[in-house]
């Protein structure tokens, strides 16, 4: 299994609230429509920062994250190279993301704690 984690920065023309609304209500459902994602994407979650701060840890100033699990690197490539992604999803990303300042990592996930009580 391959996990892609994106540290998202919003298009500076949008407020943080507009970014979050678009990410959840427009982009998520649009990504779900990719035929290859239906076959290869195991999980996709979005996280947006809370307003409360803590002294326990210093955090970077991102507008959100996207975490996507794929069945394989080939599955990730098939999804992100698909016609639907190129023609619909990627153009949408350009409307709400600052691609130049968005960071992406791809790797293997290793579980350290799996708590069945959550």
C-alpha atoms as a PDB file:
ATOM      1  CA  UNK A   1       0.000   0.000   0.000  1.00  0.00           C
ATOM      2  CA  UNK A   2       1.218   3.513  -0.855  1.00  0.00           C
ATOM      3  CA  UNK A   3       0.203   6.665   1.015  1.00  0.00           C
ATOM      4  CA  UNK A   4       0.330  10.143  -0.489  1.00  0.00           C
ATOM      5  CA  UNK A   5       0.196  13.011   1.986  1.00  0.00           C
ATOM      6  CA  UNK A   6      -0.289  16.559   0.761  1.00  0.00           C
ATOM      7  CA  UNK A   7       0.328  19.636   2.914  1.00  0.00           C
ATOM      8  CA  UNK A   8      -1.997  22.131   1.288  1.00  0.00           C
ATOM      9  CA  UNK A   9      -1.749  25.863   0.921  1.00  0.00           C
ATOM     10  CA  UNK A  10      -4.725  27.726  -0.415  1.00  0.00           C
ATOM     11  CA  UNK A  11      -4.880  29.967  -3.427  1.00  0.00           C
ATOM     12  CA  UNK A  12      -4.162  33.429  -1.935  1.00  0.00           C
ATOM     13  CA  UNK A  13      -7.311  34.769  -3.631  1.00  0.00           C
ATOM     14  CA  UNK A  14      -9.430  32.666  -1.245  1.00  0.00           C
ATOM     15  CA  UNK A  15     -10.077  33.000   2.451  1.00  0.00           C
ATOM     16  CA  UNK A  16      -9.288  29.968   4.584  1.00  0.00           C
ATOM     17  CA  UNK A  17     -13.030  29.371   5.012  1.00  0.00           C
ATOM     18  CA  UNK A  18     -13.613  29.470   1.230  1.00  0.00           C
ATOM     19  CA  UNK A  19     -10.721  27.050   0.750  1.00  0.00           C
ATOM     20  CA  UNK A  20     -12.097  24.565   3.303  1.00  0.00           C
ATOM     21  CA  UNK A  21     -15.618  24.739   1.858  1.00  0.00           C
ATOM     22  CA  UNK A  22     -14.331  24.122  -1.675  1.00  0.00           C
ATOM     23  CA  UNK A  23     -11.998  21.329  -0.573  1.00  0.00           C
ATOM     24  CA  UNK A  24     -14.790  19.468   1.215  1.00  0.00           C
ATOM     25  CA  UNK A  25     -17.843  20.222  -0.933  1.00  0.00           C
ATOM     26  CA  UNK A  26     -16.393  20.463  -4.460  1.00  0.00           C
ATOM     27  CA  UNK A  27     -12.985  18.833  -4.693  1.00  0.00           C
ATOM     28  CA  UNK A  28     -13.622  15.745  -2.568  1.00  0.00           C
ATOM     29  CA  UNK A  29     -16.734  14.693  -4.509  1.00  0.00           C
ATOM     30  CA  UNK A  30     -14.966  15.490  -7.807  1.00  0.00           C
ATOM     31  CA  UNK A  31     -12.006  13.257  -6.892  1.00  0.00           C
ATOM     32  CA  UNK A  32     -14.456  10.497  -5.959  1.00  0.00           C
ATOM     33  CA  UNK A  33     -15.724  10.527  -9.577  1.00  0.00           C
ATOM     34  CA  UNK A  34     -12.361   9.413 -11.018  1.00  0.00           C
ATOM     35  CA  UNK A  35     -13.004   5.881 -12.333  1.00  0.00           C
ATOM     36  CA  UNK A  36      -9.435   4.816 -11.532  1.00  0.00           C
ATOM     37  CA  UNK A  37      -9.774   6.130  -7.969  1.00  0.00           C
ATOM     38  CA  UNK A  38     -12.742   3.839  -7.471  1.00  0.00           C
ATOM     39  CA  UNK A  39     -10.463   0.936  -8.350  1.00  0.00           C
ATOM     40  CA  UNK A  40      -7.163   2.014  -6.743  1.00  0.00           C
ATOM     41  CA  UNK A  41      -7.810   4.547  -3.957  1.00  0.00           C
ATOM     42  CA  UNK A  42      -8.429   2.756  -0.677  1.00  0.00           C
ATOM     43  CA  UNK A  43      -8.963   5.812   1.501  1.00  0.00           C
ATOM     44  CA  UNK A  44      -8.976   9.606   1.144  1.00  0.00           C
ATOM     45  CA  UNK A  45      -9.275  11.946   4.103  1.00  0.00           C
ATOM     46  CA  UNK A  46      -9.033  15.697   4.438  1.00  0.00           C
ATOM     47  CA  UNK A  47      -7.887  17.496   7.570  1.00  0.00           C
ATOM     48  CA  UNK A  48      -8.238  21.213   8.234  1.00  0.00           C
ATOM     49  CA  UNK A  49      -6.570  22.983  11.170  1.00  0.00           C
ATOM     50  CA  UNK A  50      -8.506  23.823  14.285  1.00  0.00           C
ATOM     51  CA  UNK A  51      -8.480  27.355  15.671  1.00  0.00           C
ATOM     52  CA  UNK A  52      -7.274  26.333  19.124  1.00  0.00           C
ATOM     53  CA  UNK A  53      -3.517  26.399  19.662  1.00  0.00           C
ATOM     54  CA  UNK A  54      -1.396  24.334  22.001  1.00  0.00           C
ATOM     55  CA  UNK A  55       1.987  24.824  23.582  1.00  0.00           C
ATOM     56  CA  UNK A  56       2.606  21.064  23.334  1.00  0.00           C
ATOM     57  CA  UNK A  57       3.730  21.211  19.709  1.00  0.00           C
ATOM     58  CA  UNK A  58       4.656  23.826  17.121  1.00  0.00           C
ATOM     59  CA  UNK A  59       2.721  23.492  13.860  1.00  0.00           C
ATOM     60  CA  UNK A  60       3.305  24.766  10.355  1.00  0.00           C
ATOM     61  CA  UNK A  61       0.823  27.157   8.799  1.00  0.00           C
ATOM     62  CA  UNK A  62      -0.932  24.958   6.232  1.00  0.00           C
ATOM     63  CA  UNK A  63      -4.569  25.297   5.216  1.00  0.00           C
ATOM     64  CA  UNK A  64      -5.114  21.568   5.334  1.00  0.00           C
ATOM     65  CA  UNK A  65      -3.893  18.133   4.402  1.00  0.00           C
ATOM     66  CA  UNK A  66      -5.082  15.436   2.070  1.00  0.00           C
ATOM     67  CA  UNK A  67      -4.126  11.838   2.769  1.00  0.00           C
ATOM     68  CA  UNK A  68      -4.729   9.233   0.098  1.00  0.00           C
ATOM     69  CA  UNK A  69      -4.001   5.516   0.337  1.00  0.00           C
ATOM     70  CA  UNK A  70      -3.560   3.599  -2.914  1.00  0.00           C
ATOM     71  CA  UNK A  71      -3.278  -0.121  -3.549  1.00  0.00           C
ATOM     72  CA  UNK A  72       0.103   0.415  -5.252  1.00  0.00           C
ATOM     73  CA  UNK A  73       2.331   3.035  -6.842  1.00  0.00           C
ATOM     74  CA  UNK A  74       0.920   1.932 -10.182  1.00  0.00           C
ATOM     75  CA  UNK A  75      -2.601   2.566  -8.858  1.00  0.00           C
ATOM     76  CA  UNK A  76      -1.599   6.077  -7.760  1.00  0.00           C
ATOM     77  CA  UNK A  77      -0.080   6.723 -11.193  1.00  0.00           C
ATOM     78  CA  UNK A  78      -3.133   5.336 -13.012  1.00  0.00           C
ATOM     79  CA  UNK A  79      -5.383   7.608 -10.973  1.00  0.00           C
ATOM     80  CA  UNK A  80      -3.325  10.799 -11.286  1.00  0.00           C
ATOM     81  CA  UNK A  81      -2.569  10.198 -14.975  1.00  0.00           C
ATOM     82  CA  UNK A  82      -6.185   9.428 -15.863  1.00  0.00           C
ATOM     83  CA  UNK A  83      -8.089  11.565 -18.348  1.00  0.00           C
ATOM     84  CA  UNK A  84     -10.698  12.458 -15.718  1.00  0.00           C
ATOM     85  CA  UNK A  85      -8.045  13.667 -13.285  1.00  0.00           C
ATOM     86  CA  UNK A  86      -6.221  15.672 -15.970  1.00  0.00           C
ATOM     87  CA  UNK A  87      -9.393  17.196 -17.437  1.00  0.00           C
ATOM     88  CA  UNK A  88     -11.496  17.810 -14.315  1.00  0.00           C
ATOM     89  CA  UNK A  89      -9.723  17.325 -10.985  1.00  0.00           C
ATOM     90  CA  UNK A  90      -6.383  18.982 -11.741  1.00  0.00           C
ATOM     91  CA  UNK A  91      -8.026  22.087 -13.274  1.00  0.00           C
ATOM     92  CA  UNK A  92     -10.162  22.329 -10.123  1.00  0.00           C
ATOM     93  CA  UNK A  93      -7.017  22.149  -7.963  1.00  0.00           C
ATOM     94  CA  UNK A  94      -5.705  25.219  -9.745  1.00  0.00           C
ATOM     95  CA  UNK A  95      -8.743  27.207  -8.561  1.00  0.00           C
ATOM     96  CA  UNK A  96      -8.299  26.636  -4.830  1.00  0.00           C
ATOM     97  CA  UNK A  97      -4.710  25.426  -4.239  1.00  0.00           C
ATOM     98  CA  UNK A  98      -1.385  27.200  -4.318  1.00  0.00           C
ATOM     99  CA  UNK A  99       0.432  24.329  -6.055  1.00  0.00           C
ATOM    100  CA  UNK A 100       3.807  26.048  -5.851  1.00  0.00           C
ATOM    101  CA  UNK A 101       3.664  26.047  -2.030  1.00  0.00           C
ATOM    102  CA  UNK A 102       1.863  22.726  -1.515  1.00  0.00           C
ATOM    103  CA  UNK A 103       4.108  19.875  -0.369  1.00  0.00           C
ATOM    104  CA  UNK A 104       3.618  16.197  -1.256  1.00  0.00           C
ATOM    105  CA  UNK A 105       5.147  13.038   0.185  1.00  0.00           C
ATOM    106  CA  UNK A 106       4.658   9.461  -0.986  1.00  0.00           C
ATOM    107  CA  UNK A 107       5.614   6.497   1.136  1.00  0.00           C
ATOM    108  CA  UNK A 108       4.735   3.351   2.997  1.00  0.00           C
ATOM    109  CA  UNK A 109       2.663   3.650   6.145  1.00  0.00           C
ATOM    110  CA  UNK A 110       3.851   1.861   9.273  1.00  0.00           C
ATOM    111  CA  UNK A 111       1.346   1.486  12.100  1.00  0.00           C
ATOM    112  CA  UNK A 112       2.801   2.078  15.547  1.00  0.00           C
ATOM    113  CA  UNK A 113      -0.407   2.209  17.585  1.00  0.00           C
ATOM    114  CA  UNK A 114      -3.773   0.810  16.535  1.00  0.00           C
ATOM    115  CA  UNK A 115      -6.276   1.498  19.276  1.00  0.00           C
ATOM    116  CA  UNK A 116      -9.587  -0.271  18.847  1.00  0.00           C
ATOM    117  CA  UNK A 117     -11.155   1.944  21.536  1.00  0.00           C
ATOM    118  CA  UNK A 118     -11.307   5.015  19.251  1.00  0.00           C
END
